[in-house]
Amino acid sequence: MSGGCVEGAVVDDALGVMKTGLSKVLEFSVTNEQAWEVGLACGGTVRIFVEPVQ
């Protein structure tokens, strides 16, 4: 999974977390078959914890 696939969604959610002050976990996944179709070497899952920082 490349950073470009999820970067925009993470930024949007991070902006929301900054407004609400509530942390959240984001999860993105792609199967091996889907990954191959879009030019990625393999599939997988990434979980990103987003929290407000002061």
PDB file of N, CA and C in Angstrom:
ATOM      1  N   MET A   1       0.848  -1.162   0.000  1.00  0.00           N
ATOM      2  CA  MET A   1       0.000   0.000   0.000  1.00  0.00           C
ATOM      3  C   MET A   1       0.897   1.229   0.000  1.00  0.00           C
ATOM      4  N   SER A   2       0.661   2.122  -0.894  1.00  0.00           N
ATOM      5  CA  SER A   2       1.495   3.310  -0.950  1.00  0.00           C
ATOM      6  C   SER A   2       0.873   4.431  -0.143  1.00  0.00           C
ATOM      7  N   GLY A   3       1.706   5.352   0.313  1.00  0.00           N
ATOM      8  CA  GLY A   3       1.208   6.486   1.085  1.00  0.00           C
ATOM      9  C   GLY A   3       0.205   7.316   0.309  1.00  0.00           C
ATOM     10  N   GLY A   4       0.388   7.409  -1.014  1.00  0.00           N
ATOM     11  CA  GLY A   4      -0.501   8.215  -1.827  1.00  0.00           C
ATOM     12  C   GLY A   4      -1.931   7.719  -1.838  1.00  0.00           C
ATOM     13  N   CYS A   5      -2.118   6.430  -1.594  1.00  0.00           N
ATOM     14  CA  CYS A   5      -3.470   5.857  -1.609  1.00  0.00           C
ATOM     15  C   CYS A   5      -4.310   6.328  -0.435  1.00  0.00           C
ATOM     16  N   VAL A   6      -3.682   6.617   0.676  1.00  0.00           N
ATOM     17  CA  VAL A   6      -4.437   6.953   1.877  1.00  0.00           C
ATOM     18  C   VAL A   6      -4.167   8.363   2.395  1.00  0.00           C
ATOM     19  N   GLU A   7      -3.185   9.021   1.829  1.00  0.00           N
ATOM     20  CA  GLU A   7      -2.737  10.310   2.352  1.00  0.00           C
ATOM     21  C   GLU A   7      -3.868  11.329   2.473  1.00  0.00           C
ATOM     22  N   GLY A   8      -4.654  11.497   1.424  1.00  0.00           N
ATOM     23  CA  GLY A   8      -5.733  12.480   1.456  1.00  0.00           C
ATOM     24  C   GLY A   8      -6.764  12.191   2.523  1.00  0.00           C
ATOM     25  N   ALA A   9      -7.116  10.929   2.668  1.00  0.00           N
ATOM     26  CA  ALA A   9      -8.105  10.553   3.690  1.00  0.00           C
ATOM     27  C   ALA A   9      -7.570  10.810   5.093  1.00  0.00           C
ATOM     28  N   VAL A  10      -6.286  10.536   5.311  1.00  0.00           N
ATOM     29  CA  VAL A  10      -5.686  10.762   6.630  1.00  0.00           C
ATOM     30  C   VAL A  10      -5.669  12.253   6.950  1.00  0.00           C
ATOM     31  N   VAL A  11      -5.325  13.076   5.981  1.00  0.00           N
ATOM     32  CA  VAL A  11      -5.317  14.525   6.206  1.00  0.00           C
ATOM     33  C   VAL A  11      -6.717  15.010   6.561  1.00  0.00           C
ATOM     34  N   ASP A  12      -7.717  14.567   5.822  1.00  0.00           N
ATOM     35  CA  ASP A  12      -9.095  14.974   6.117  1.00  0.00           C
ATOM     36  C   ASP A  12      -9.505  14.570   7.528  1.00  0.00           C
ATOM     37  N   ASP A  13      -9.207  13.334   7.898  1.00  0.00           N
ATOM     38  CA  ASP A  13      -9.568  12.874   9.246  1.00  0.00           C
ATOM     39  C   ASP A  13      -8.763  13.606  10.312  1.00  0.00           C
ATOM     40  N   ALA A  14      -7.499  13.901  10.037  1.00  0.00           N
ATOM     41  CA  ALA A  14      -6.671  14.623  11.009  1.00  0.00           C
ATOM     42  C   ALA A  14      -7.241  16.022  11.263  1.00  0.00           C
ATOM     43  N   LEU A  15      -7.714  16.671  10.213  1.00  0.00           N
ATOM     44  CA  LEU A  15      -8.332  17.986  10.391  1.00  0.00           C
ATOM     45  C   LEU A  15      -9.570  17.884  11.274  1.00  0.00           C
ATOM     46  N   GLY A  16     -10.347  16.827  11.085  1.00  0.00           N
ATOM     47  CA  GLY A  16     -11.517  16.610  11.931  1.00  0.00           C
ATOM     48  C   GLY A  16     -11.137  16.350  13.377  1.00  0.00           C
ATOM     49  N   VAL A  17     -10.087  15.566  13.594  1.00  0.00           N
ATOM     50  CA  VAL A  17      -9.615  15.281  14.952  1.00  0.00           C
ATOM     51  C   VAL A  17      -9.142  16.570  15.620  1.00  0.00           C
ATOM     52  N   MET A  18      -8.488  17.434  14.864  1.00  0.00           N
ATOM     53  CA  MET A  18      -8.032  18.712  15.425  1.00  0.00           C
ATOM     54  C   MET A  18      -9.219  19.569  15.862  1.00  0.00           C
ATOM     55  N   LYS A  19     -10.322  19.495  15.142  1.00  0.00           N
ATOM     56  CA  LYS A  19     -11.506  20.285  15.495  1.00  0.00           C
ATOM     57  C   LYS A  19     -12.235  19.713  16.702  1.00  0.00           C
ATOM     58  N   THR A  20     -12.390  18.375  16.732  1.00  0.00           N
ATOM     59  CA  THR A  20     -13.185  17.749  17.795  1.00  0.00           C
ATOM     60  C   THR A  20     -12.378  17.411  19.038  1.00  0.00           C
ATOM     61  N   GLY A  21     -11.067  17.190  18.864  1.00  0.00           N
ATOM     62  CA  GLY A  21     -10.237  16.771  19.982  1.00  0.00           C
ATOM     63  C   GLY A  21     -10.373  15.293  20.302  1.00  0.00           C
ATOM     64  N   LEU A  22     -11.089  14.546  19.451  1.00  0.00           N
ATOM     65  CA  LEU A  22     -11.317  13.126  19.686  1.00  0.00           C
ATOM     66  C   LEU A  22     -10.408  12.283  18.790  1.00  0.00           C
ATOM     67  N   SER A  23      -9.629  11.392  19.405  1.00  0.00           N
ATOM     68  CA  SER A  23      -8.740  10.501  18.660  1.00  0.00           C
ATOM     69  C   SER A  23      -9.547   9.470  17.895  1.00  0.00           C
ATOM     70  N   LYS A  24      -8.920   8.899  16.871  1.00  0.00           N
ATOM     71  CA  LYS A  24      -9.582   7.831  16.133  1.00  0.00           C
ATOM     72  C   LYS A  24      -8.541   6.952  15.458  1.00  0.00           C
ATOM     73  N   VAL A  25      -8.953   5.748  15.115  1.00  0.00           N
ATOM     74  CA  VAL A  25      -8.111   4.812  14.372  1.00  0.00           C
ATOM     75  C   VAL A  25      -8.682   4.671  12.977  1.00  0.00           C
ATOM     76  N   LEU A  26      -7.829   4.862  11.987  1.00  0.00           N
ATOM     77  CA  LEU A  26      -8.230   4.696  10.595  1.00  0.00           C
ATOM     78  C   LEU A  26      -7.675   3.373  10.101  1.00  0.00           C
ATOM     79  N   GLU A  27      -8.410   2.681   9.273  1.00  0.00           N
ATOM     80  CA  GLU A  27      -7.929   1.416   8.718  1.00  0.00           C
ATOM     81  C   GLU A  27      -8.175   1.390   7.215  1.00  0.00           C
ATOM     82  N   PHE A  28      -7.132   1.031   6.490  1.00  0.00           N
ATOM     83  CA  PHE A  28      -7.203   0.920   5.041  1.00  0.00           C
ATOM     84  C   PHE A  28      -6.649  -0.440   4.662  1.00  0.00           C
ATOM     85  N   SER A  29      -7.303  -1.114   3.724  1.00  0.00           N
ATOM     86  CA  SER A  29      -6.792  -2.414   3.301  1.00  0.00           C
ATOM     87  C   SER A  29      -7.078  -2.647   1.836  1.00  0.00           C
ATOM     88  N   VAL A  30      -6.281  -3.528   1.269  1.00  0.00           N
ATOM     89  CA  VAL A  30      -6.436  -3.913  -0.131  1.00  0.00           C
ATOM     90  C   VAL A  30      -5.994  -5.370  -0.236  1.00  0.00           C
ATOM     91  N   THR A  31      -6.731  -6.147  -1.003  1.00  0.00           N
ATOM     92  CA  THR A  31      -6.354  -7.549  -1.191  1.00  0.00           C
ATOM     93  C   THR A  31      -5.163  -7.636  -2.141  1.00  0.00           C
ATOM     94  N   ASN A  32      -4.489  -8.771  -2.150  1.00  0.00           N
ATOM     95  CA  ASN A  32      -3.378  -8.966  -3.077  1.00  0.00           C
ATOM     96  C   ASN A  32      -3.831  -8.816  -4.525  1.00  0.00           C
ATOM     97  N   GLU A  33      -5.020  -9.316  -4.820  1.00  0.00           N
ATOM     98  CA  GLU A  33      -5.539  -9.222  -6.181  1.00  0.00           C
ATOM     99  C   GLU A  33      -5.799  -7.772  -6.582  1.00  0.00           C
ATOM    100  N   GLN A  34      -6.410  -7.004  -5.690  1.00  0.00           N
ATOM    101  CA  GLN A  34      -6.671  -5.590  -5.971  1.00  0.00           C
ATOM    102  C   GLN A  34      -5.364  -4.823  -6.126  1.00  0.00           C
ATOM    103  N   ALA A  35      -4.398  -5.136  -5.291  1.00  0.00           N
ATOM    104  CA  ALA A  35      -3.111  -4.441  -5.338  1.00  0.00           C
ATOM    105  C   ALA A  35      -2.450  -4.647  -6.695  1.00  0.00           C
ATOM    106  N   TRP A  36      -2.425  -5.871  -7.152  1.00  0.00           N
ATOM    107  CA  TRP A  36      -1.800  -6.176  -8.434  1.00  0.00           C
ATOM    108  C   TRP A  36      -2.454  -5.396  -9.574  1.00  0.00           C
ATOM    109  N   GLU A  37      -3.777  -5.276  -9.520  1.00  0.00           N
ATOM    110  CA  GLU A  37      -4.520  -4.581 -10.572  1.00  0.00           C
ATOM    111  C   GLU A  37      -4.160  -3.098 -10.677  1.00  0.00           C
ATOM    112  N   VAL A  38      -3.765  -2.496  -9.576  1.00  0.00           N
ATOM    113  CA  VAL A  38      -3.430  -1.066  -9.588  1.00  0.00           C
ATOM    114  C   VAL A  38      -1.924  -0.813  -9.537  1.00  0.00           C
ATOM    115  N   GLY A  39      -1.141  -1.872  -9.714  1.00  0.00           N
ATOM    116  CA  GLY A  39       0.304  -1.701  -9.817  1.00  0.00           C
ATOM    117  C   GLY A  39       1.088  -1.758  -8.521  1.00  0.00           C
ATOM    118  N   LEU A  40       0.465  -2.232  -7.451  1.00  0.00           N
ATOM    119  CA  LEU A  40       1.196  -2.393  -6.193  1.00  0.00           C
ATOM    120  C   LEU A  40       1.762  -3.804  -6.118  1.00  0.00           C
ATOM    121  N   ALA A  41       2.836  -3.969  -5.385  1.00  0.00           N
ATOM    122  CA  ALA A  41       3.492  -5.275  -5.291  1.00  0.00           C
ATOM    123  C   ALA A  41       2.686  -6.283  -4.483  1.00  0.00           C
ATOM    124  N   CYS A  42       1.966  -5.818  -3.464  1.00  0.00           N
ATOM    125  CA  CYS A  42       1.182  -6.738  -2.638  1.00  0.00           C
ATOM    126  C   CYS A  42       0.091  -5.967  -1.917  1.00  0.00           C
ATOM    127  N   GLY A  43      -0.822  -6.697  -1.345  1.00  0.00           N
ATOM    128  CA  GLY A  43      -1.892  -6.099  -0.566  1.00  0.00           C
ATOM    129  C   GLY A  43      -1.505  -6.022   0.893  1.00  0.00           C
ATOM    130  N   GLY A  44      -2.456  -5.632   1.714  1.00  0.00           N
ATOM    131  CA  GLY A  44      -2.206  -5.554   3.143  1.00  0.00           C
ATOM    132  C   GLY A  44      -3.161  -4.598   3.809  1.00  0.00           C
ATOM    133  N   THR A  45      -2.912  -4.395   5.090  1.00  0.00           N
ATOM    134  CA  THR A  45      -3.737  -3.502   5.904  1.00  0.00           C
ATOM    135  C   THR A  45      -2.828  -2.555   6.661  1.00  0.00           C
ATOM    136  N   VAL A  46      -3.250  -1.312   6.752  1.00  0.00           N
ATOM    137  CA  VAL A  46      -2.527  -0.327   7.558  1.00  0.00           C
ATOM    138  C   VAL A  46      -3.535   0.329   8.487  1.00  0.00           C
ATOM    139  N   ARG A  47      -3.161   0.453   9.743  1.00  0.00           N
ATOM    140  CA  ARG A  47      -3.986   1.132  10.734  1.00  0.00           C
ATOM    141  C   ARG A  47      -3.209   2.368  11.191  1.00  0.00           C
ATOM    142  N   ILE A  48      -3.899   3.484  11.249  1.00  0.00           N
ATOM    143  CA  ILE A  48      -3.265   4.741  11.610  1.00  0.00           C
ATOM    144  C   ILE A  48      -4.029   5.359  12.770  1.00  0.00           C
ATOM    145  N   PHE A  49      -3.304   5.618  13.856  1.00  0.00           N
ATOM    146  CA  PHE A  49      -3.899   6.249  15.028  1.00  0.00           C
ATOM    147  C   PHE A  49      -3.699   7.755  14.898  1.00  0.00           C
ATOM    148  N   VAL A  50      -4.804   8.494  14.928  1.00  0.00           N
ATOM    149  CA  VAL A  50      -4.760   9.944  14.796  1.00  0.00           C
ATOM    150  C   VAL A  50      -5.228  10.548  16.116  1.00  0.00           C
ATOM    151  N   GLU A  51      -4.390  11.400  16.692  1.00  0.00           N
ATOM    152  CA  GLU A  51      -4.763  12.029  17.953  1.00  0.00           C
ATOM    153  C   GLU A  51      -4.390  13.504  17.938  1.00  0.00           C
ATOM    154  N   PRO A  52      -5.132  14.314  18.656  1.00  0.00           N
ATOM    155  CA  PRO A  52      -4.800  15.740  18.712  1.00  0.00           C
ATOM    156  C   PRO A  52      -3.537  15.945  19.565  1.00  0.00           C
ATOM    157  N   VAL A  53      -2.737  16.917  19.164  1.00  0.00           N
ATOM    158  CA  VAL A  53      -1.520  17.237  19.904  1.00  0.00           C
ATOM    159  C   VAL A  53      -1.580  18.714  20.287  1.00  0.00           C
ATOM    160  N   GLN A  54      -1.205  18.996  21.525  1.00  0.00           N
ATOM    161  CA  GLN A  54      -1.228  20.392  21.970  1.00  0.00           C
ATOM    162  C   GLN A  54       0.165  20.880  22.242  1.00  0.00           C
TER     163      GLN A  54
END
